[in-house]
Amino acid sequence: VRLAAVTAGAATLLLDVTAVDASGAVVARDALRHPLVVRASGPTVTVSTSFAVAGPEGARGNATDAGPAPVVPWPEGLALPAAVPGTGRMAVDVGVGLQPVA
């Protein structure tokens, strides 16, 4: 039997075993209840990046009668560390303008 934790914290292992004979009659039964503390497999890792994007020469900050400001593509990537499947979490904070992301 393979067991898997779905979250960290307090848990209880409950094992209930029933033995039956060839006719299906119960010949023995036993159970075990054991408290467990489920911990993370490793320390928390934080990966972050920060960058400023400058528009092309002559770009406007707002749309005008002459048309919208040009779109400037900016590729950015992160190399995420290896993790146990299903244990990670990702949050993205984005700020626009000259104020830092809070």
N, C-alpha and C. Protein backbone atom coordinates (compact mmCIF):
# COMPACT_ATOMS: atom_id res chain seq x y z
N VAL A 1 0.85 -1.17 0.00
CA VAL A 1 0.00 0.00 0.00
C VAL A 1 0.89 1.23 0.00
N ARG A 2 0.62 2.15 -0.90
CA ARG A 2 1.39 3.41 -0.98
C ARG A 2 0.58 4.51 -0.34
N LEU A 3 1.19 5.21 0.61
CA LEU A 3 0.53 6.32 1.29
C LEU A 3 1.11 7.63 0.78
N ALA A 4 0.28 8.66 0.72
CA ALA A 4 0.74 9.97 0.28
C ALA A 4 0.08 11.04 1.13
N ALA A 5 0.85 12.05 1.52
CA ALA A 5 0.32 13.18 2.27
C ALA A 5 -0.21 14.22 1.30
N VAL A 6 -1.34 14.81 1.62
CA VAL A 6 -1.90 15.85 0.77
C VAL A 6 -1.63 17.24 1.32
N THR A 7 -1.18 17.32 2.58
CA THR A 7 -0.84 18.60 3.18
C THR A 7 0.02 18.36 4.42
N ALA A 8 0.69 19.37 4.89
CA ALA A 8 1.48 19.26 6.10
C ALA A 8 0.58 19.55 7.30
N GLY A 9 0.93 18.98 8.45
CA GLY A 9 0.16 19.23 9.67
C GLY A 9 -0.08 17.94 10.43
N ALA A 10 -1.08 17.94 11.30
CA ALA A 10 -1.42 16.76 12.10
C ALA A 10 -2.26 15.81 11.26
N ALA A 11 -2.01 14.52 11.43
CA ALA A 11 -2.76 13.50 10.71
C ALA A 11 -2.90 12.28 11.60
N THR A 12 -3.78 11.39 11.23
CA THR A 12 -3.95 10.14 11.96
C THR A 12 -3.91 9.00 10.96
N LEU A 13 -3.03 8.04 11.23
CA LEU A 13 -2.96 6.83 10.41
C LEU A 13 -3.96 5.85 11.01
N LEU A 14 -4.91 5.40 10.23
CA LEU A 14 -5.92 4.46 10.68
C LEU A 14 -5.80 3.21 9.81
N LEU A 15 -5.49 2.10 10.44
CA LEU A 15 -5.31 0.83 9.72
C LEU A 15 -6.34 -0.14 10.25
N ASP A 16 -7.18 -0.65 9.38
CA ASP A 16 -8.24 -1.58 9.76
C ASP A 16 -8.06 -2.83 8.91
N VAL A 17 -7.80 -3.98 9.55
CA VAL A 17 -7.52 -5.22 8.83
C VAL A 17 -8.58 -6.26 9.19
N THR A 18 -9.13 -6.89 8.16
CA THR A 18 -10.11 -7.96 8.36
C THR A 18 -9.66 -9.18 7.57
N ALA A 19 -9.62 -10.33 8.23
CA ALA A 19 -9.27 -11.59 7.57
C ALA A 19 -10.53 -12.42 7.40
N VAL A 20 -10.72 -12.94 6.20
CA VAL A 20 -11.89 -13.78 5.94
C VAL A 20 -11.42 -15.15 5.43
N ASP A 21 -12.25 -16.18 5.65
CA ASP A 21 -11.91 -17.50 5.13
C ASP A 21 -12.48 -17.65 3.73
N ALA A 22 -12.36 -18.84 3.15
CA ALA A 22 -12.79 -19.09 1.77
C ALA A 22 -14.28 -18.85 1.58
N SER A 23 -15.07 -19.02 2.63
CA SER A 23 -16.52 -18.81 2.50
C SER A 23 -16.91 -17.35 2.67
N GLY A 24 -15.94 -16.50 3.05
CA GLY A 24 -16.23 -15.08 3.24
C GLY A 24 -16.53 -14.72 4.68
N ALA A 25 -16.48 -15.70 5.57
CA ALA A 25 -16.75 -15.42 6.98
C ALA A 25 -15.54 -14.74 7.61
N VAL A 26 -15.80 -13.75 8.46
CA VAL A 26 -14.74 -13.04 9.15
C VAL A 26 -14.13 -13.96 10.21
N VAL A 27 -12.80 -14.14 10.13
CA VAL A 27 -12.13 -15.00 11.11
C VAL A 27 -11.25 -14.19 12.06
N ALA A 28 -10.88 -13.00 11.68
CA ALA A 28 -10.07 -12.15 12.55
C ALA A 28 -10.20 -10.71 12.09
N ARG A 29 -10.08 -9.80 13.07
CA ARG A 29 -10.15 -8.38 12.74
C ARG A 29 -9.31 -7.62 13.75
N ASP A 30 -8.59 -6.60 13.27
CA ASP A 30 -7.77 -5.79 14.16
C ASP A 30 -7.69 -4.39 13.56
N ALA A 31 -7.29 -3.44 14.39
CA ALA A 31 -7.18 -2.06 13.93
C ALA A 31 -6.07 -1.35 14.68
N LEU A 32 -5.56 -0.30 14.06
CA LEU A 32 -4.51 0.52 14.67
C LEU A 32 -4.82 1.97 14.35
N ARG A 33 -4.72 2.83 15.34
CA ARG A 33 -4.87 4.28 15.15
C ARG A 33 -3.62 4.92 15.72
N HIS A 34 -2.90 5.71 14.88
CA HIS A 34 -1.64 6.29 15.33
C HIS A 34 -1.55 7.74 14.84
N PRO A 35 -1.34 8.69 15.77
CA PRO A 35 -1.19 10.09 15.33
C PRO A 35 0.16 10.32 14.66
N LEU A 36 0.16 11.17 13.65
CA LEU A 36 1.38 11.50 12.90
C LEU A 36 1.49 13.01 12.73
N VAL A 37 2.71 13.50 12.63
CA VAL A 37 2.95 14.88 12.25
C VAL A 37 3.59 14.85 10.86
N VAL A 38 2.92 15.44 9.89
CA VAL A 38 3.40 15.46 8.51
C VAL A 38 4.14 16.77 8.31
N ARG A 39 5.40 16.66 7.96
CA ARG A 39 6.23 17.85 7.74
C ARG A 39 6.61 17.95 6.27
N ALA A 40 7.03 19.14 5.88
CA ALA A 40 7.50 19.36 4.51
C ALA A 40 8.77 18.54 4.27
N SER A 41 8.99 18.18 3.03
CA SER A 41 10.16 17.37 2.70
C SER A 41 11.45 18.17 2.70
N GLY A 42 11.36 19.46 2.71
CA GLY A 42 12.56 20.30 2.70
C GLY A 42 12.21 21.73 3.05
N PRO A 43 13.21 22.58 3.17
CA PRO A 43 12.94 23.97 3.51
C PRO A 43 12.25 24.71 2.35
N THR A 44 11.55 25.77 2.70
CA THR A 44 10.89 26.60 1.69
C THR A 44 11.94 27.31 0.85
N VAL A 45 11.69 27.38 -0.45
CA VAL A 45 12.59 28.06 -1.37
C VAL A 45 11.82 29.20 -2.03
N THR A 46 12.42 30.38 -2.07
CA THR A 46 11.81 31.52 -2.75
C THR A 46 12.68 31.90 -3.94
N VAL A 47 12.05 32.01 -5.10
CA VAL A 47 12.74 32.41 -6.32
C VAL A 47 12.06 33.70 -6.78
N SER A 48 12.86 34.73 -7.07
CA SER A 48 12.24 35.99 -7.49
C SER A 48 13.10 36.70 -8.52
N THR A 49 12.48 37.65 -9.19
CA THR A 49 13.19 38.50 -10.13
C THR A 49 12.51 39.86 -10.15
N SER A 50 13.23 40.85 -10.53
CA SER A 50 12.68 42.19 -10.64
C SER A 50 13.34 42.87 -11.83
N PHE A 51 12.58 43.60 -12.62
CA PHE A 51 13.15 44.29 -13.76
C PHE A 51 12.28 45.47 -14.15
N ALA A 52 12.87 46.44 -14.80
CA ALA A 52 12.14 47.59 -15.33
C ALA A 52 12.09 47.47 -16.84
N VAL A 53 11.00 47.86 -17.42
CA VAL A 53 10.84 47.81 -18.87
C VAL A 53 10.74 49.24 -19.37
N ALA A 54 11.63 49.61 -20.28
CA ALA A 54 11.60 50.94 -20.89
C ALA A 54 11.00 50.82 -22.28
N GLY A 55 10.13 51.76 -22.62
CA GLY A 55 9.52 51.76 -23.94
C GLY A 55 10.51 52.24 -25.00
N PRO A 56 10.20 52.02 -26.27
CA PRO A 56 11.10 52.47 -27.34
C PRO A 56 11.13 53.99 -27.42
N GLU A 57 12.15 54.52 -28.06
CA GLU A 57 12.31 55.97 -28.23
C GLU A 57 11.04 56.57 -28.83
N GLY A 58 10.52 57.62 -28.20
CA GLY A 58 9.33 58.29 -28.73
C GLY A 58 8.02 57.64 -28.33
N ALA A 59 8.05 56.62 -27.49
CA ALA A 59 6.80 55.96 -27.09
C ALA A 59 5.99 56.87 -26.19
N ARG A 60 4.69 56.77 -26.30
CA ARG A 60 3.81 57.56 -25.46
C ARG A 60 3.33 56.70 -24.30
N GLY A 61 3.10 57.34 -23.16
CA GLY A 61 2.64 56.60 -21.99
C GLY A 61 1.17 56.25 -22.05
N ASN A 62 0.36 57.01 -22.80
CA ASN A 62 -1.08 56.77 -22.90
C ASN A 62 -1.50 56.80 -24.36
N ALA A 63 -2.67 56.22 -24.62
CA ALA A 63 -3.21 56.27 -25.98
C ALA A 63 -3.61 57.71 -26.29
N THR A 64 -3.44 58.10 -27.54
CA THR A 64 -3.83 59.45 -27.99
C THR A 64 -4.65 59.31 -29.25
N ASP A 65 -5.01 60.47 -29.82
CA ASP A 65 -5.75 60.45 -31.08
C ASP A 65 -4.92 59.82 -32.20
N ALA A 66 -3.59 59.83 -32.02
CA ALA A 66 -2.72 59.27 -33.05
C ALA A 66 -2.68 57.74 -32.98
N GLY A 67 -3.30 57.16 -31.95
CA GLY A 67 -3.31 55.69 -31.81
C GLY A 67 -2.72 55.26 -30.48
N PRO A 68 -2.82 53.99 -30.21
CA PRO A 68 -2.31 53.48 -28.93
C PRO A 68 -0.78 53.46 -28.91
N ALA A 69 -0.24 53.47 -27.70
CA ALA A 69 1.22 53.35 -27.55
C ALA A 69 1.64 51.98 -28.07
N PRO A 70 2.86 51.88 -28.62
CA PRO A 70 3.31 50.60 -29.16
C PRO A 70 3.48 49.56 -28.05
N VAL A 71 3.26 48.29 -28.41
CA VAL A 71 3.45 47.18 -27.48
C VAL A 71 4.91 46.75 -27.56
N VAL A 72 5.53 46.63 -26.41
CA VAL A 72 6.94 46.22 -26.37
C VAL A 72 7.01 44.86 -25.68
N PRO A 73 7.25 43.77 -26.43
CA PRO A 73 7.35 42.46 -25.78
C PRO A 73 8.61 42.38 -24.92
N TRP A 74 8.49 41.73 -23.76
CA TRP A 74 9.62 41.60 -22.85
C TRP A 74 9.62 40.19 -22.29
N PRO A 75 10.47 39.32 -22.80
CA PRO A 75 10.51 37.96 -22.27
C PRO A 75 11.23 37.93 -20.92
N GLU A 76 10.73 37.14 -20.03
CA GLU A 76 11.35 36.97 -18.71
C GLU A 76 11.10 35.52 -18.29
N GLY A 77 12.07 34.92 -17.67
CA GLY A 77 11.90 33.53 -17.25
C GLY A 77 12.53 33.27 -15.90
N LEU A 78 12.07 32.23 -15.25
CA LEU A 78 12.62 31.77 -13.98
C LEU A 78 12.93 30.29 -14.09
N ALA A 79 14.03 29.88 -13.51
CA ALA A 79 14.33 28.46 -13.40
C ALA A 79 13.88 28.01 -12.02
N LEU A 80 12.78 27.27 -11.97
CA LEU A 80 12.24 26.82 -10.69
C LEU A 80 13.03 25.61 -10.17
N PRO A 81 13.23 25.53 -8.86
CA PRO A 81 13.96 24.39 -8.30
C PRO A 81 13.12 23.12 -8.36
N ALA A 82 13.80 21.98 -8.31
CA ALA A 82 13.10 20.69 -8.31
C ALA A 82 12.25 20.59 -7.04
N ALA A 83 11.07 19.99 -7.15
CA ALA A 83 10.18 19.84 -6.01
C ALA A 83 9.37 18.56 -6.16
N VAL A 84 8.85 18.08 -5.05
CA VAL A 84 7.97 16.92 -5.08
C VAL A 84 6.69 17.35 -5.80
N PRO A 85 6.22 16.59 -6.80
CA PRO A 85 5.01 16.98 -7.53
C PRO A 85 3.84 17.27 -6.60
N GLY A 86 3.15 18.37 -6.86
CA GLY A 86 1.97 18.73 -6.08
C GLY A 86 2.27 19.49 -4.80
N THR A 87 3.55 19.80 -4.51
CA THR A 87 3.87 20.46 -3.26
C THR A 87 4.21 21.94 -3.43
N GLY A 88 4.35 22.40 -4.63
CA GLY A 88 4.78 23.78 -4.86
C GLY A 88 3.62 24.76 -4.91
N ARG A 89 3.98 26.02 -4.89
CA ARG A 89 3.01 27.10 -5.00
C ARG A 89 3.71 28.25 -5.70
N MET A 90 2.97 28.97 -6.54
CA MET A 90 3.55 30.09 -7.24
C MET A 90 2.66 31.31 -7.08
N ALA A 91 3.27 32.44 -6.78
CA ALA A 91 2.56 33.71 -6.69
C ALA A 91 3.30 34.71 -7.57
N VAL A 92 2.56 35.51 -8.30
CA VAL A 92 3.14 36.53 -9.16
C VAL A 92 2.61 37.88 -8.72
N ASP A 93 3.51 38.80 -8.38
CA ASP A 93 3.14 40.17 -8.03
C ASP A 93 3.66 41.08 -9.13
N VAL A 94 2.79 41.95 -9.63
CA VAL A 94 3.15 42.82 -10.74
C VAL A 94 2.80 44.26 -10.37
N GLY A 95 3.69 45.18 -10.69
CA GLY A 95 3.42 46.59 -10.45
C GLY A 95 3.57 47.38 -11.74
N VAL A 96 2.81 48.45 -11.88
CA VAL A 96 2.88 49.30 -13.05
C VAL A 96 3.17 50.71 -12.58
N GLY A 97 4.10 51.37 -13.24
CA GLY A 97 4.44 52.73 -12.86
C GLY A 97 5.74 52.75 -12.09
N LEU A 98 5.93 53.79 -11.31
CA LEU A 98 7.19 53.96 -10.60
C LEU A 98 7.14 53.46 -9.16
N GLN A 99 6.00 52.94 -8.72
CA GLN A 99 5.87 52.47 -7.35
C GLN A 99 6.26 50.99 -7.25
N PRO A 100 6.96 50.59 -6.19
CA PRO A 100 7.31 49.18 -6.03
C PRO A 100 6.07 48.34 -5.70
N VAL A 101 6.15 47.07 -6.00
CA VAL A 101 5.09 46.14 -5.65
C VAL A 101 5.11 45.96 -4.14
N ALA A 102 3.96 46.06 -3.50
CA ALA A 102 3.90 45.92 -2.03
C ALA A 102 3.65 44.49 -1.65
